[in-house]
Amino acid sequence: MQGIKNDIGKLRYDLEQVLATEEVISVLTFGAAKYADDNWRKLEDSPKRYYAASRRHLAAYKMGEAIDPESGYHHLAHAICCLNFLLEVELETINKTKESHET
């Protein structure tokens, strides 16, 4: 007998890169301890500033520095966190726009 699982078309969380995700979560945890939980949401002009921060981390990586000296975590994980903040705000804005048009 073979089991059935109706998961066609559902998100494939099994495709996640666990080591990379753990490094990103480590950066988020470091940032929460340094500033506060969700502090990134309170920052004035956050899209511009987090874009700049992501580019600084990418530049450091491109120039041969893999590990951020302050946190001890990979520059790419820092850049991903910054880009995740940007993406989260973008998606929230899109969702709010969709919701306002639906009502």
C-alpha atoms as a PDB file:
ATOM      1  CA  MET A   1       0.000   0.000   0.000  1.00  0.00           C
ATOM      2  CA  GLN A   2       1.301   3.452  -0.915  1.00  0.00           C
ATOM      3  CA  GLY A   3       0.396   6.602   1.022  1.00  0.00           C
ATOM      4  CA  ILE A   4      -1.069   9.712  -0.520  1.00  0.00           C
ATOM      5  CA  LYS A   5      -0.036  13.270   0.241  1.00  0.00           C
ATOM      6  CA  ASN A   6      -1.711  16.094  -1.688  1.00  0.00           C
ATOM      7  CA  ASP A   7       1.103  18.619  -1.771  1.00  0.00           C
ATOM      8  CA  ILE A   8       1.281  19.383  -5.485  1.00  0.00           C
ATOM      9  CA  GLY A   9       1.541  23.122  -6.035  1.00  0.00           C
ATOM     10  CA  LYS A  10       2.482  23.842  -2.414  1.00  0.00           C
ATOM     11  CA  LEU A  11       5.655  25.624  -1.362  1.00  0.00           C
ATOM     12  CA  ARG A  12       8.720  23.379  -1.352  1.00  0.00           C
ATOM     13  CA  TYR A  13      10.362  24.126   1.994  1.00  0.00           C
ATOM     14  CA  ASP A  14      12.532  21.063   1.451  1.00  0.00           C
ATOM     15  CA  LEU A  15      14.497  23.179  -1.062  1.00  0.00           C
ATOM     16  CA  GLU A  16      15.736  25.557   1.648  1.00  0.00           C
ATOM     17  CA  GLN A  17      19.484  25.922   2.128  1.00  0.00           C
ATOM     18  CA  VAL A  18      19.768  25.200   5.839  1.00  0.00           C
ATOM     19  CA  LEU A  19      23.324  26.428   6.449  1.00  0.00           C
ATOM     20  CA  ALA A  20      22.670  29.745   4.691  1.00  0.00           C
ATOM     21  CA  THR A  21      19.370  30.192   6.532  1.00  0.00           C
ATOM     22  CA  GLU A  22      21.066  29.520   9.884  1.00  0.00           C
ATOM     23  CA  GLU A  23      23.702  32.170   9.128  1.00  0.00           C
ATOM     24  CA  VAL A  24      21.000  34.701   8.220  1.00  0.00           C
ATOM     25  CA  ILE A  25      19.077  33.888  11.414  1.00  0.00           C
ATOM     26  CA  SER A  26      22.327  34.312  13.359  1.00  0.00           C
ATOM     27  CA  VAL A  27      22.725  37.808  11.886  1.00  0.00           C
ATOM     28  CA  LEU A  28      19.102  38.638  12.759  1.00  0.00           C
ATOM     29  CA  THR A  29      19.661  37.392  16.316  1.00  0.00           C
ATOM     30  CA  PHE A  30      22.845  39.463  16.602  1.00  0.00           C
ATOM     31  CA  GLY A  31      20.994  42.541  15.358  1.00  0.00           C
ATOM     32  CA  ALA A  32      18.080  42.012  17.755  1.00  0.00           C
ATOM     33  CA  ALA A  33      20.499  41.749  20.687  1.00  0.00           C
ATOM     34  CA  LYS A  34      22.416  44.841  19.558  1.00  0.00           C
ATOM     35  CA  TYR A  35      19.406  47.061  18.776  1.00  0.00           C
ATOM     36  CA  ALA A  36      16.044  45.433  19.653  1.00  0.00           C
ATOM     37  CA  ASP A  37      13.583  43.008  18.102  1.00  0.00           C
ATOM     38  CA  ASP A  38      12.200  44.445  14.862  1.00  0.00           C
ATOM     39  CA  ASN A  39      14.244  47.645  15.241  1.00  0.00           C
ATOM     40  CA  TRP A  40      14.714  47.670  11.473  1.00  0.00           C
ATOM     41  CA  ARG A  41      11.009  48.533  11.117  1.00  0.00           C
ATOM     42  CA  LYS A  42      11.450  51.709  13.170  1.00  0.00           C
ATOM     43  CA  LEU A  43      14.383  53.142  11.255  1.00  0.00           C
ATOM     44  CA  GLU A  44      13.738  56.395   9.430  1.00  0.00           C
ATOM     45  CA  ASP A  45      14.296  56.155   5.668  1.00  0.00           C
ATOM     46  CA  SER A  46      14.886  52.413   6.060  1.00  0.00           C
ATOM     47  CA  PRO A  47      14.666  51.373   2.381  1.00  0.00           C
ATOM     48  CA  LYS A  48      17.451  53.742   1.381  1.00  0.00           C
ATOM     49  CA  ARG A  49      19.599  52.894   4.388  1.00  0.00           C
ATOM     50  CA  TYR A  50      19.211  49.128   4.126  1.00  0.00           C
ATOM     51  CA  TYR A  51      19.916  49.231   0.404  1.00  0.00           C
ATOM     52  CA  ALA A  52      23.146  51.088   1.200  1.00  0.00           C
ATOM     53  CA  ALA A  53      23.992  48.621   3.981  1.00  0.00           C
ATOM     54  CA  SER A  54      23.433  45.646   1.674  1.00  0.00           C
ATOM     55  CA  ARG A  55      25.790  47.206  -0.871  1.00  0.00           C
ATOM     56  CA  ARG A  56      28.456  47.829   1.780  1.00  0.00           C
ATOM     57  CA  HIS A  57      28.343  44.161   2.812  1.00  0.00           C
ATOM     58  CA  LEU A  58      28.467  43.044  -0.818  1.00  0.00           C
ATOM     59  CA  ALA A  59      31.393  45.374  -1.492  1.00  0.00           C
ATOM     60  CA  ALA A  60      33.304  44.025   1.505  1.00  0.00           C
ATOM     61  CA  TYR A  61      32.680  40.491   0.255  1.00  0.00           C
ATOM     62  CA  LYS A  62      33.733  41.396  -3.280  1.00  0.00           C
ATOM     63  CA  MET A  63      36.955  42.906  -1.924  1.00  0.00           C
ATOM     64  CA  GLY A  64      37.798  39.599  -0.266  1.00  0.00           C
ATOM     65  CA  GLU A  65      36.434  39.985   3.253  1.00  0.00           C
ATOM     66  CA  ALA A  66      34.041  37.107   3.904  1.00  0.00           C
ATOM     67  CA  ILE A  67      33.345  37.676   7.608  1.00  0.00           C
ATOM     68  CA  ASP A  68      32.001  40.890   9.104  1.00  0.00           C
ATOM     69  CA  PRO A  69      34.536  41.868  11.791  1.00  0.00           C
ATOM     70  CA  GLU A  70      31.930  43.232  14.222  1.00  0.00           C
ATOM     71  CA  SER A  71      29.466  40.337  14.219  1.00  0.00           C
ATOM     72  CA  GLY A  72      31.649  37.424  13.133  1.00  0.00           C
ATOM     73  CA  TYR A  73      29.030  36.405  10.570  1.00  0.00           C
ATOM     74  CA  HIS A  74      29.300  36.249   6.799  1.00  0.00           C
ATOM     75  CA  HIS A  75      28.906  39.502   4.861  1.00  0.00           C
ATOM     76  CA  LEU A  76      26.548  37.761   2.454  1.00  0.00           C
ATOM     77  CA  ALA A  77      24.249  36.861   5.367  1.00  0.00           C
ATOM     78  CA  HIS A  78      24.248  40.520   6.407  1.00  0.00           C
ATOM     79  CA  ALA A  79      23.416  41.574   2.843  1.00  0.00           C
ATOM     80  CA  ILE A  80      20.611  39.007   2.687  1.00  0.00           C
ATOM     81  CA  CYS A  81      19.144  40.372   5.934  1.00  0.00           C
ATOM     82  CA  CYS A  82      19.183  43.901   4.521  1.00  0.00           C
ATOM     83  CA  LEU A  83      17.548  42.725   1.300  1.00  0.00           C
ATOM     84  CA  ASN A  84      14.979  40.712   3.277  1.00  0.00           C
ATOM     85  CA  PHE A  85      14.041  43.889   5.151  1.00  0.00           C
ATOM     86  CA  LEU A  86      13.589  45.684   1.836  1.00  0.00           C
ATOM     87  CA  LEU A  87      11.574  42.824   0.375  1.00  0.00           C
ATOM     88  CA  GLU A  88       9.357  42.564   3.455  1.00  0.00           C
ATOM     89  CA  VAL A  89       8.447  46.261   3.245  1.00  0.00           C
ATOM     90  CA  GLU A  90       7.818  45.979  -0.507  1.00  0.00           C
ATOM     91  CA  LEU A  91       5.570  42.950  -0.112  1.00  0.00           C
ATOM     92  CA  GLU A  92       3.670  44.542   2.769  1.00  0.00           C
ATOM     93  CA  THR A  93       3.077  47.617   0.620  1.00  0.00           C
ATOM     94  CA  ILE A  94       1.903  45.502  -2.308  1.00  0.00           C
ATOM     95  CA  ASN A  95      -0.418  43.501  -0.051  1.00  0.00           C
ATOM     96  CA  LYS A  96      -1.889  46.657   1.507  1.00  0.00           C
ATOM     97  CA  THR A  97      -2.482  48.076  -1.969  1.00  0.00           C
ATOM     98  CA  LYS A  98      -4.215  44.860  -3.061  1.00  0.00           C
ATOM     99  CA  GLU A  99      -6.377  44.832   0.069  1.00  0.00           C
ATOM    100  CA  SER A 100      -7.423  48.465  -0.367  1.00  0.00           C
ATOM    101  CA  HIS A 101      -8.462  47.805  -3.974  1.00  0.00           C
ATOM    102  CA  GLU A 102     -10.451  44.730  -2.953  1.00  0.00           C
ATOM    103  CA  THR A 103     -12.557  46.586  -0.387  1.00  0.00           C
END
